[in-house]
Amino acid sequence: MSADKIILGIDPGTTIMGYGILEIKLNKPIVIAIGVIELQKLDDHFVRLKHIFERVSGLINEYKPDELSIEAPFFGKNVQSMLKLGRAQGTAIAAAISHSIPIFEYAPRKIKQSITGNGNASKEQVASMLQKILNIKEMPKHLDATDGLAAALCHYYQIPVGENKNAAKSWKEFLSKNPERLKK
């Protein structure tokens, strides 16, 4: 069994940033919160970054996540859009760093693959699969929210089954810790 923990997942954005928070209890993911940080009403890009930092810090203070899982920016043709998206992602990461939370970054294809089995899945397919897997009764209005939740669930799927900090790193170490297991 993996240890109980809380994972904050973020789908970075410059107009809407999605987030999802999972609690892992008895090795089962449970949705605690899902939503978006709306930024489109803020005209100044730097004011948006400040708002991202404050809201992500607020989520961290409220839900006390143990880890942050964030979607990596994908490579696009518009350099200015990529720069702004990278800044938004970096600001969310900075909020987690300021609270000493470990950060895990996943490519969009990796997240989609881990949720749907298809790295080219649409946002709608990811949302539909999340609804089934996590038994979500009412889906959020924005798919950015489910993308944030998908980042958290992707990270949960990366945790080895039976994760144990005291586990041996090699056969030699295992045998030295468990000499009675060696057949003579």
N, C-alpha and C. Protein backbone atom coordinates (compact mmCIF):
# COMPACT_ATOMS: atom_id res chain seq x y z
N MET A 1 0.85 -1.19 0.00
CA MET A 1 0.00 0.00 0.00
C MET A 1 0.88 1.25 0.00
N SER A 2 0.47 2.20 -0.76
CA SER A 2 1.22 3.44 -0.74
C SER A 2 0.69 4.29 0.41
N ALA A 3 1.52 5.15 0.93
CA ALA A 3 1.14 5.98 2.07
C ALA A 3 0.04 6.94 1.67
N ASP A 4 -0.84 7.26 2.63
CA ASP A 4 -1.87 8.26 2.36
C ASP A 4 -1.20 9.58 2.06
N LYS A 5 -1.75 10.27 1.05
CA LYS A 5 -1.18 11.55 0.67
C LYS A 5 -2.21 12.35 -0.09
N ILE A 6 -1.89 13.62 -0.30
CA ILE A 6 -2.74 14.51 -1.09
C ILE A 6 -1.90 15.02 -2.25
N ILE A 7 -2.48 14.95 -3.46
CA ILE A 7 -1.79 15.38 -4.68
C ILE A 7 -2.58 16.53 -5.30
N LEU A 8 -1.89 17.64 -5.55
CA LEU A 8 -2.46 18.78 -6.26
C LEU A 8 -2.01 18.67 -7.72
N GLY A 9 -2.97 18.59 -8.63
CA GLY A 9 -2.66 18.55 -10.05
C GLY A 9 -3.02 19.87 -10.70
N ILE A 10 -2.15 20.35 -11.58
CA ILE A 10 -2.40 21.63 -12.24
C ILE A 10 -2.21 21.51 -13.74
N ASP A 11 -3.19 22.10 -14.46
CA ASP A 11 -3.10 22.27 -15.91
C ASP A 11 -2.85 23.76 -16.12
N PRO A 12 -1.61 24.16 -16.41
CA PRO A 12 -1.31 25.59 -16.49
C PRO A 12 -2.03 26.26 -17.67
N GLY A 13 -2.37 27.50 -17.47
CA GLY A 13 -3.00 28.28 -18.52
C GLY A 13 -2.84 29.75 -18.23
N THR A 14 -3.01 30.56 -19.27
CA THR A 14 -2.88 32.01 -19.09
C THR A 14 -4.24 32.70 -19.02
N THR A 15 -5.30 32.01 -19.44
CA THR A 15 -6.64 32.58 -19.29
C THR A 15 -7.44 31.77 -18.27
N ILE A 16 -7.26 30.46 -18.28
CA ILE A 16 -7.87 29.58 -17.29
C ILE A 16 -6.84 28.54 -16.89
N MET A 17 -6.62 28.39 -15.59
CA MET A 17 -5.71 27.37 -15.07
C MET A 17 -6.55 26.36 -14.30
N GLY A 18 -6.47 25.10 -14.72
CA GLY A 18 -7.26 24.06 -14.06
C GLY A 18 -6.49 23.41 -12.93
N TYR A 19 -7.25 22.95 -11.92
CA TYR A 19 -6.62 22.21 -10.82
C TYR A 19 -7.55 21.11 -10.35
N GLY A 20 -6.95 20.08 -9.82
CA GLY A 20 -7.67 18.99 -9.19
C GLY A 20 -6.87 18.50 -8.01
N ILE A 21 -7.57 18.13 -6.96
CA ILE A 21 -6.88 17.67 -5.74
C ILE A 21 -7.42 16.29 -5.40
N LEU A 22 -6.49 15.34 -5.31
CA LEU A 22 -6.82 13.97 -4.95
C LEU A 22 -6.25 13.64 -3.59
N GLU A 23 -7.04 12.92 -2.80
CA GLU A 23 -6.52 12.34 -1.58
C GLU A 23 -6.36 10.85 -1.84
N ILE A 24 -5.23 10.30 -1.48
CA ILE A 24 -4.99 8.88 -1.63
C ILE A 24 -5.16 8.27 -0.25
N LYS A 25 -6.22 7.50 -0.10
CA LYS A 25 -6.52 6.84 1.18
C LYS A 25 -6.61 5.34 0.94
N LEU A 26 -5.83 4.58 1.67
CA LEU A 26 -5.79 3.13 1.51
C LEU A 26 -5.58 2.75 0.05
N ASN A 27 -4.68 3.49 -0.59
CA ASN A 27 -4.28 3.27 -1.98
C ASN A 27 -5.42 3.48 -2.98
N LYS A 28 -6.39 4.31 -2.61
CA LYS A 28 -7.51 4.61 -3.50
C LYS A 28 -7.61 6.12 -3.67
N PRO A 29 -7.66 6.62 -4.93
CA PRO A 29 -7.77 8.07 -5.14
C PRO A 29 -9.20 8.56 -4.94
N ILE A 30 -9.33 9.65 -4.20
CA ILE A 30 -10.62 10.27 -3.91
C ILE A 30 -10.52 11.75 -4.27
N VAL A 31 -11.48 12.25 -5.03
CA VAL A 31 -11.48 13.66 -5.42
C VAL A 31 -11.87 14.51 -4.22
N ILE A 32 -11.00 15.47 -3.89
CA ILE A 32 -11.28 16.43 -2.81
C ILE A 32 -11.83 17.72 -3.39
N ALA A 33 -11.20 18.19 -4.46
CA ALA A 33 -11.62 19.45 -5.08
C ALA A 33 -11.22 19.45 -6.55
N ILE A 34 -11.99 20.19 -7.32
CA ILE A 34 -11.70 20.35 -8.74
C ILE A 34 -12.23 21.73 -9.14
N GLY A 35 -11.43 22.46 -9.91
CA GLY A 35 -11.88 23.79 -10.29
C GLY A 35 -10.90 24.49 -11.21
N VAL A 36 -11.14 25.78 -11.38
CA VAL A 36 -10.28 26.58 -12.24
C VAL A 36 -9.95 27.90 -11.56
N ILE A 37 -8.85 28.46 -11.98
CA ILE A 37 -8.46 29.82 -11.61
C ILE A 37 -8.68 30.64 -12.87
N GLU A 38 -9.66 31.54 -12.82
CA GLU A 38 -10.00 32.34 -14.00
C GLU A 38 -9.13 33.58 -14.05
N LEU A 39 -8.52 33.79 -15.20
CA LEU A 39 -7.55 34.87 -15.36
C LEU A 39 -7.92 35.83 -16.49
N GLN A 40 -8.91 35.48 -17.31
CA GLN A 40 -9.21 36.25 -18.51
C GLN A 40 -9.67 37.68 -18.22
N LYS A 41 -10.16 37.94 -17.02
CA LYS A 41 -10.62 39.30 -16.69
C LYS A 41 -9.46 40.23 -16.32
N LEU A 42 -8.30 39.65 -16.10
CA LEU A 42 -7.12 40.44 -15.75
C LEU A 42 -6.36 40.78 -17.03
N ASP A 43 -6.23 42.05 -17.34
CA ASP A 43 -5.61 42.48 -18.60
C ASP A 43 -4.09 42.36 -18.59
N ASP A 44 -3.46 42.68 -17.49
CA ASP A 44 -2.00 42.70 -17.41
C ASP A 44 -1.45 41.30 -17.13
N HIS A 45 -0.51 40.85 -17.95
CA HIS A 45 0.06 39.51 -17.80
C HIS A 45 0.73 39.33 -16.43
N PHE A 46 1.40 40.35 -15.94
CA PHE A 46 2.09 40.22 -14.66
C PHE A 46 1.12 40.18 -13.49
N VAL A 47 -0.02 40.83 -13.63
CA VAL A 47 -1.07 40.75 -12.61
C VAL A 47 -1.64 39.32 -12.61
N ARG A 48 -1.75 38.71 -13.79
CA ARG A 48 -2.21 37.32 -13.88
C ARG A 48 -1.24 36.39 -13.15
N LEU A 49 0.05 36.63 -13.33
CA LEU A 49 1.05 35.79 -12.65
C LEU A 49 0.94 35.93 -11.14
N LYS A 50 0.74 37.14 -10.67
CA LYS A 50 0.56 37.38 -9.24
C LYS A 50 -0.67 36.64 -8.73
N HIS A 51 -1.75 36.69 -9.50
CA HIS A 51 -2.99 36.00 -9.12
C HIS A 51 -2.78 34.48 -9.09
N ILE A 52 -2.05 33.95 -10.06
CA ILE A 52 -1.74 32.51 -10.07
C ILE A 52 -0.98 32.14 -8.81
N PHE A 53 0.04 32.91 -8.49
CA PHE A 53 0.85 32.61 -7.30
C PHE A 53 -0.02 32.62 -6.04
N GLU A 54 -0.85 33.64 -5.90
CA GLU A 54 -1.70 33.77 -4.71
C GLU A 54 -2.73 32.64 -4.62
N ARG A 55 -3.37 32.31 -5.75
CA ARG A 55 -4.41 31.27 -5.73
C ARG A 55 -3.81 29.87 -5.51
N VAL A 56 -2.68 29.58 -6.15
CA VAL A 56 -2.05 28.28 -5.93
C VAL A 56 -1.56 28.18 -4.48
N SER A 57 -0.99 29.26 -3.96
CA SER A 57 -0.60 29.27 -2.54
C SER A 57 -1.81 29.07 -1.65
N GLY A 58 -2.94 29.67 -2.01
CA GLY A 58 -4.17 29.49 -1.24
C GLY A 58 -4.64 28.04 -1.25
N LEU A 59 -4.57 27.39 -2.41
CA LEU A 59 -4.94 25.98 -2.49
C LEU A 59 -4.01 25.12 -1.62
N ILE A 60 -2.73 25.45 -1.66
CA ILE A 60 -1.75 24.72 -0.86
C ILE A 60 -2.04 24.91 0.64
N ASN A 61 -2.32 26.14 1.04
CA ASN A 61 -2.62 26.40 2.45
C ASN A 61 -3.91 25.71 2.90
N GLU A 62 -4.90 25.65 2.00
CA GLU A 62 -6.19 25.06 2.36
C GLU A 62 -6.15 23.53 2.38
N TYR A 63 -5.55 22.91 1.36
CA TYR A 63 -5.62 21.46 1.22
C TYR A 63 -4.37 20.71 1.66
N LYS A 64 -3.27 21.43 1.90
CA LYS A 64 -2.02 20.84 2.40
C LYS A 64 -1.55 19.64 1.56
N PRO A 65 -1.38 19.84 0.24
CA PRO A 65 -0.92 18.72 -0.59
C PRO A 65 0.51 18.31 -0.25
N ASP A 66 0.78 17.02 -0.44
CA ASP A 66 2.12 16.48 -0.21
C ASP A 66 2.98 16.62 -1.46
N GLU A 67 2.32 16.67 -2.65
CA GLU A 67 3.04 16.73 -3.91
C GLU A 67 2.24 17.54 -4.93
N LEU A 68 2.98 18.13 -5.87
CA LEU A 68 2.35 18.86 -6.98
C LEU A 68 2.67 18.11 -8.27
N SER A 69 1.65 17.85 -9.05
CA SER A 69 1.81 17.27 -10.37
C SER A 69 1.34 18.31 -11.37
N ILE A 70 2.19 18.66 -12.32
CA ILE A 70 1.86 19.73 -13.26
C ILE A 70 2.14 19.30 -14.68
N GLU A 71 1.26 19.73 -15.57
CA GLU A 71 1.45 19.41 -16.99
C GLU A 71 2.55 20.29 -17.56
N ALA A 72 3.46 19.67 -18.29
CA ALA A 72 4.54 20.40 -18.96
C ALA A 72 3.97 21.13 -20.16
N PRO A 73 4.51 22.31 -20.49
CA PRO A 73 4.03 22.99 -21.69
C PRO A 73 4.34 22.16 -22.93
N PHE A 74 3.43 22.16 -23.88
CA PHE A 74 3.67 21.48 -25.14
C PHE A 74 4.28 22.48 -26.11
N PHE A 75 4.92 21.98 -27.12
CA PHE A 75 5.57 22.86 -28.08
C PHE A 75 4.56 23.34 -29.12
N GLY A 76 4.38 24.65 -29.19
CA GLY A 76 3.44 25.24 -30.15
C GLY A 76 4.18 26.12 -31.14
N LYS A 77 3.43 26.60 -32.11
CA LYS A 77 4.03 27.44 -33.15
C LYS A 77 4.15 28.89 -32.73
N ASN A 78 3.29 29.33 -31.81
CA ASN A 78 3.30 30.72 -31.39
C ASN A 78 4.25 30.89 -30.20
N VAL A 79 5.38 31.50 -30.45
CA VAL A 79 6.42 31.65 -29.43
C VAL A 79 5.93 32.51 -28.25
N GLN A 80 5.20 33.57 -28.53
CA GLN A 80 4.69 34.44 -27.46
C GLN A 80 3.73 33.68 -26.54
N SER A 81 2.87 32.86 -27.12
CA SER A 81 1.94 32.06 -26.31
C SER A 81 2.71 31.07 -25.44
N MET A 82 3.72 30.45 -26.01
CA MET A 82 4.54 29.49 -25.26
C MET A 82 5.27 30.17 -24.10
N LEU A 83 5.78 31.36 -24.34
CA LEU A 83 6.46 32.11 -23.29
C LEU A 83 5.51 32.41 -22.14
N LYS A 84 4.31 32.88 -22.48
CA LYS A 84 3.32 33.20 -21.43
C LYS A 84 2.89 31.96 -20.68
N LEU A 85 2.68 30.85 -21.39
CA LEU A 85 2.29 29.61 -20.75
C LEU A 85 3.40 29.11 -19.82
N GLY A 86 4.65 29.21 -20.28
CA GLY A 86 5.79 28.81 -19.44
C GLY A 86 5.89 29.64 -18.18
N ARG A 87 5.60 30.93 -18.30
CA ARG A 87 5.61 31.80 -17.12
C ARG A 87 4.52 31.39 -16.15
N ALA A 88 3.33 31.08 -16.67
CA ALA A 88 2.22 30.65 -15.82
C ALA A 88 2.58 29.36 -15.08
N GLN A 89 3.16 28.40 -15.82
CA GLN A 89 3.57 27.15 -15.21
C GLN A 89 4.65 27.41 -14.15
N GLY A 90 5.62 28.23 -14.49
CA GLY A 90 6.70 28.55 -13.55
C GLY A 90 6.20 29.22 -12.28
N THR A 91 5.19 30.05 -12.42
CA THR A 91 4.62 30.73 -11.25
C THR A 91 3.92 29.73 -10.33
N ALA A 92 3.19 28.79 -10.90
CA ALA A 92 2.55 27.75 -10.09
C ALA A 92 3.60 26.89 -9.39
N ILE A 93 4.67 26.57 -10.12
CA ILE A 93 5.77 25.80 -9.54
C ILE A 93 6.43 26.59 -8.41
N ALA A 94 6.63 27.88 -8.62
CA ALA A 94 7.25 28.72 -7.58
C ALA A 94 6.40 28.73 -6.31
N ALA A 95 5.09 28.74 -6.46
CA ALA A 95 4.20 28.70 -5.29
C ALA A 95 4.43 27.40 -4.52
N ALA A 96 4.54 26.28 -5.24
CA ALA A 96 4.79 24.99 -4.58
C ALA A 96 6.17 24.96 -3.92
N ILE A 97 7.17 25.49 -4.63
CA ILE A 97 8.53 25.53 -4.07
C ILE A 97 8.55 26.36 -2.78
N SER A 98 7.81 27.47 -2.78
CA SER A 98 7.81 28.34 -1.59
C SER A 98 7.17 27.64 -0.38
N HIS A 99 6.44 26.56 -0.64
CA HIS A 99 5.84 25.78 0.44
C HIS A 99 6.55 24.43 0.62
N SER A 100 7.72 24.28 -0.01
CA SER A 100 8.55 23.07 0.09
C SER A 100 7.81 21.80 -0.34
N ILE A 101 7.03 21.91 -1.40
CA ILE A 101 6.29 20.77 -1.92
C ILE A 101 7.04 20.19 -3.12
N PRO A 102 7.27 18.88 -3.13
CA PRO A 102 7.92 18.25 -4.28
C PRO A 102 7.07 18.39 -5.54
N ILE A 103 7.73 18.60 -6.68
CA ILE A 103 7.05 18.86 -7.94
C ILE A 103 7.37 17.75 -8.94
N PHE A 104 6.33 17.31 -9.65
CA PHE A 104 6.47 16.28 -10.67
C PHE A 104 5.81 16.82 -11.93
N GLU A 105 6.54 16.74 -13.05
CA GLU A 105 6.06 17.31 -14.30
C GLU A 105 5.85 16.18 -15.32
N TYR A 106 4.71 16.24 -16.00
CA TYR A 106 4.37 15.21 -16.98
C TYR A 106 3.97 15.86 -18.30
N ALA A 107 4.41 15.25 -19.39
CA ALA A 107 4.04 15.71 -20.73
C ALA A 107 2.54 15.47 -20.94
N PRO A 108 1.89 16.33 -21.72
CA PRO A 108 0.46 16.14 -21.99
C PRO A 108 0.13 14.73 -22.51
N ARG A 109 0.96 14.21 -23.40
CA ARG A 109 0.73 12.86 -23.94
C ARG A 109 0.80 11.79 -22.85
N LYS A 110 1.72 11.95 -21.90
CA LYS A 110 1.87 11.00 -20.79
C LYS A 110 0.61 11.01 -19.93
N ILE A 111 0.08 12.20 -19.66
CA ILE A 111 -1.13 12.31 -18.83
C ILE A 111 -2.31 11.65 -19.54
N LYS A 112 -2.50 11.98 -20.82
CA LYS A 112 -3.61 11.39 -21.58
C LYS A 112 -3.47 9.87 -21.67
N GLN A 113 -2.25 9.40 -21.90
CA GLN A 113 -1.99 7.96 -21.99
C GLN A 113 -2.32 7.26 -20.68
N SER A 114 -1.95 7.86 -19.56
CA SER A 114 -2.18 7.21 -18.27
C SER A 114 -3.66 7.17 -17.89
N ILE A 115 -4.45 8.12 -18.40
CA ILE A 115 -5.87 8.17 -18.05
C ILE A 115 -6.71 7.36 -19.04
N THR A 116 -6.44 7.51 -20.35
CA THR A 116 -7.30 6.90 -21.36
C THR A 116 -6.67 5.73 -22.09
N GLY A 117 -5.35 5.59 -21.99
CA GLY A 117 -4.65 4.58 -22.77
C GLY A 117 -4.27 5.08 -24.15
N ASN A 118 -4.59 6.36 -24.44
CA ASN A 118 -4.31 6.95 -25.74
C ASN A 118 -3.67 8.32 -25.55
N GLY A 119 -2.43 8.48 -25.95
CA GLY A 119 -1.73 9.75 -25.79
C GLY A 119 -2.27 10.87 -26.65
N ASN A 120 -3.14 10.53 -27.61
CA ASN A 120 -3.76 11.55 -28.47
C ASN A 120 -5.22 11.80 -28.12
N ALA A 121 -5.64 11.37 -26.95
CA ALA A 121 -7.05 11.53 -26.54
C ALA A 121 -7.43 13.01 -26.46
N SER A 122 -8.70 13.27 -26.70
CA SER A 122 -9.22 14.64 -26.59
C SER A 122 -9.48 14.98 -25.12
N LYS A 123 -9.65 16.28 -24.85
CA LYS A 123 -10.00 16.72 -23.49
C LYS A 123 -11.30 16.07 -23.04
N GLU A 124 -12.24 15.91 -23.95
CA GLU A 124 -13.53 15.30 -23.64
C GLU A 124 -13.37 13.83 -23.26
N GLN A 125 -12.49 13.12 -23.97
CA GLN A 125 -12.25 11.72 -23.65
C GLN A 125 -11.59 11.57 -22.29
N VAL A 126 -10.66 12.46 -21.98
CA VAL A 126 -10.00 12.44 -20.67
C VAL A 126 -11.03 12.70 -19.58
N ALA A 127 -11.88 13.71 -19.76
CA ALA A 127 -12.90 14.05 -18.77
C ALA A 127 -13.86 12.88 -18.56
N SER A 128 -14.29 12.24 -19.65
CA SER A 128 -15.22 11.11 -19.55
C SER A 128 -14.60 9.95 -18.77
N MET A 129 -13.34 9.67 -19.05
CA MET A 129 -12.66 8.58 -18.36
C MET A 129 -12.48 8.90 -16.87
N LEU A 130 -12.13 10.15 -16.57
CA LEU A 130 -11.99 10.56 -15.16
C LEU A 130 -13.32 10.39 -14.43
N GLN A 131 -14.41 10.75 -15.10
CA GLN A 131 -15.73 10.63 -14.48
C GLN A 131 -16.01 9.17 -14.09
N LYS A 132 -15.62 8.25 -14.96
CA LYS A 132 -15.83 6.82 -14.69
C LYS A 132 -14.89 6.31 -13.60
N ILE A 133 -13.61 6.64 -13.74
CA ILE A 133 -12.60 6.12 -12.80
C ILE A 133 -12.84 6.63 -11.38
N LEU A 134 -13.14 7.94 -11.27
CA LEU A 134 -13.23 8.57 -9.95
C LEU A 134 -14.68 8.76 -9.48
N ASN A 135 -15.62 8.22 -10.25
CA ASN A 135 -17.04 8.29 -9.88
C ASN A 135 -17.49 9.73 -9.61
N ILE A 136 -17.19 10.61 -10.55
CA ILE A 136 -17.55 12.03 -10.40
C ILE A 136 -19.00 12.20 -10.85
N LYS A 137 -19.85 12.69 -9.94
CA LYS A 137 -21.28 12.84 -10.24
C LYS A 137 -21.54 14.02 -11.17
N GLU A 138 -21.00 15.18 -10.83
CA GLU A 138 -21.23 16.39 -11.62
C GLU A 138 -19.91 16.91 -12.16
N MET A 139 -19.81 16.96 -13.45
CA MET A 139 -18.57 17.42 -14.08
C MET A 139 -18.49 18.94 -14.09
N PRO A 140 -17.28 19.48 -13.98
CA PRO A 140 -17.11 20.93 -14.00
C PRO A 140 -17.39 21.50 -15.40
N LYS A 141 -17.68 22.79 -15.43
CA LYS A 141 -17.98 23.47 -16.69
C LYS A 141 -16.76 23.52 -17.62
N HIS A 142 -15.58 23.74 -17.04
CA HIS A 142 -14.35 23.89 -17.83
C HIS A 142 -13.55 22.59 -17.86
N LEU A 143 -13.14 22.18 -19.05
CA LEU A 143 -12.31 20.98 -19.18
C LEU A 143 -10.90 21.19 -18.64
N ASP A 144 -10.52 22.45 -18.42
CA ASP A 144 -9.21 22.72 -17.81
C ASP A 144 -9.18 22.13 -16.40
N ALA A 145 -10.32 22.11 -15.72
CA ALA A 145 -10.40 21.55 -14.37
C ALA A 145 -10.13 20.04 -14.42
N THR A 146 -10.76 19.35 -15.38
CA THR A 146 -10.51 17.91 -15.47
C THR A 146 -9.08 17.63 -15.92
N ASP A 147 -8.50 18.52 -16.70
CA ASP A 147 -7.09 18.35 -17.08
C ASP A 147 -6.18 18.45 -15.85
N GLY A 148 -6.50 19.35 -14.94
CA GLY A 148 -5.74 19.45 -13.69
C GLY A 148 -5.87 18.18 -12.86
N LEU A 149 -7.10 17.67 -12.79
CA LEU A 149 -7.35 16.42 -12.06
C LEU A 149 -6.61 15.26 -12.74
N ALA A 150 -6.58 15.27 -14.07
CA ALA A 150 -5.86 14.22 -14.81
C ALA A 150 -4.37 14.23 -14.47
N ALA A 151 -3.79 15.43 -14.29
CA ALA A 151 -2.37 15.52 -13.91
C ALA A 151 -2.14 14.86 -12.55
N ALA A 152 -3.07 15.09 -11.62
CA ALA A 152 -2.95 14.48 -10.29
C ALA A 152 -3.09 12.96 -10.36
N LEU A 153 -4.07 12.47 -11.13
CA LEU A 153 -4.28 11.03 -11.24
C LEU A 153 -3.12 10.36 -11.97
N CYS A 154 -2.59 11.02 -12.99
CA CYS A 154 -1.41 10.50 -13.69
C CYS A 154 -0.26 10.29 -12.70
N HIS A 155 -0.06 11.27 -11.83
CA HIS A 155 1.02 11.14 -10.84
C HIS A 155 0.74 9.98 -9.89
N TYR A 156 -0.50 9.84 -9.47
CA TYR A 156 -0.86 8.71 -8.59
C TYR A 156 -0.51 7.38 -9.27
N TYR A 157 -0.79 7.29 -10.56
CA TYR A 157 -0.50 6.05 -11.29
C TYR A 157 1.00 5.78 -11.38
N GLN A 158 1.82 6.78 -11.20
CA GLN A 158 3.27 6.60 -11.29
C GLN A 158 3.86 6.08 -9.98
N ILE A 159 3.10 6.15 -8.90
CA ILE A 159 3.58 5.70 -7.59
C ILE A 159 3.63 4.17 -7.61
N PRO A 160 4.77 3.58 -7.36
CA PRO A 160 4.86 2.11 -7.38
C PRO A 160 3.92 1.48 -6.35
N VAL A 161 3.27 0.39 -6.73
CA VAL A 161 2.42 -0.35 -5.81
C VAL A 161 3.29 -0.86 -4.68
N GLY A 162 2.81 -0.73 -3.47
CA GLY A 162 3.58 -1.18 -2.32
C GLY A 162 4.77 -0.30 -2.03
N GLU A 163 4.67 0.98 -2.43
CA GLU A 163 5.77 1.93 -2.20
C GLU A 163 6.19 1.86 -0.74
N ASN A 164 7.47 1.69 -0.52
CA ASN A 164 7.97 1.54 0.83
C ASN A 164 9.34 2.21 0.90
N LYS A 165 9.44 3.21 1.74
CA LYS A 165 10.72 3.92 1.85
C LYS A 165 11.83 3.03 2.40
N ASN A 166 11.44 1.96 3.09
CA ASN A 166 12.45 1.06 3.66
C ASN A 166 12.77 -0.10 2.73
N ALA A 167 12.21 -0.10 1.55
CA ALA A 167 12.45 -1.20 0.62
C ALA A 167 13.91 -1.23 0.19
N ALA A 168 14.40 -2.44 -0.02
CA ALA A 168 15.79 -2.62 -0.45
C ALA A 168 15.95 -2.13 -1.88
N LYS A 169 17.09 -1.56 -2.17
CA LYS A 169 17.38 -1.02 -3.50
C LYS A 169 18.06 -2.06 -4.40
N SER A 170 18.50 -3.16 -3.80
CA SER A 170 19.17 -4.21 -4.57
C SER A 170 18.98 -5.55 -3.84
N TRP A 171 19.30 -6.65 -4.57
CA TRP A 171 19.22 -7.97 -3.94
C TRP A 171 20.18 -8.08 -2.76
N LYS A 172 21.36 -7.53 -2.93
CA LYS A 172 22.36 -7.60 -1.86
C LYS A 172 21.83 -6.92 -0.60
N GLU A 173 21.23 -5.74 -0.76
CA GLU A 173 20.67 -5.02 0.39
C GLU A 173 19.49 -5.79 0.99
N PHE A 174 18.65 -6.37 0.13
CA PHE A 174 17.51 -7.16 0.61
C PHE A 174 17.99 -8.32 1.47
N LEU A 175 18.99 -9.05 0.98
CA LEU A 175 19.50 -10.20 1.73
C LEU A 175 20.17 -9.80 3.04
N SER A 176 20.83 -8.65 3.02
CA SER A 176 21.47 -8.21 4.28
C SER A 176 20.41 -7.81 5.31
N LYS A 177 19.25 -7.32 4.84
CA LYS A 177 18.17 -6.95 5.76
C LYS A 177 17.32 -8.15 6.16
N ASN A 178 17.35 -9.21 5.34
CA ASN A 178 16.51 -10.39 5.56
C ASN A 178 17.33 -11.68 5.43
N PRO A 179 18.32 -11.91 6.28
CA PRO A 179 19.19 -13.10 6.13
C PRO A 179 18.42 -14.41 6.22
N GLU A 180 17.31 -14.42 6.93
CA GLU A 180 16.52 -15.66 7.08
C GLU A 180 15.85 -16.09 5.77
N ARG A 181 15.80 -15.20 4.79
CA ARG A 181 15.15 -15.51 3.51
C ARG A 181 16.09 -16.24 2.55
N LEU A 182 17.37 -16.29 2.88
CA LEU A 182 18.36 -16.94 2.04
C LEU A 182 18.35 -18.45 2.30
N LYS A 183 18.09 -19.24 1.24
CA LYS A 183 18.11 -20.71 1.38
C LYS A 183 19.55 -21.18 1.30
N LYS A 184 19.89 -22.07 2.22
CA LYS A 184 21.26 -22.57 2.24
C LYS A 184 21.32 -24.01 1.85
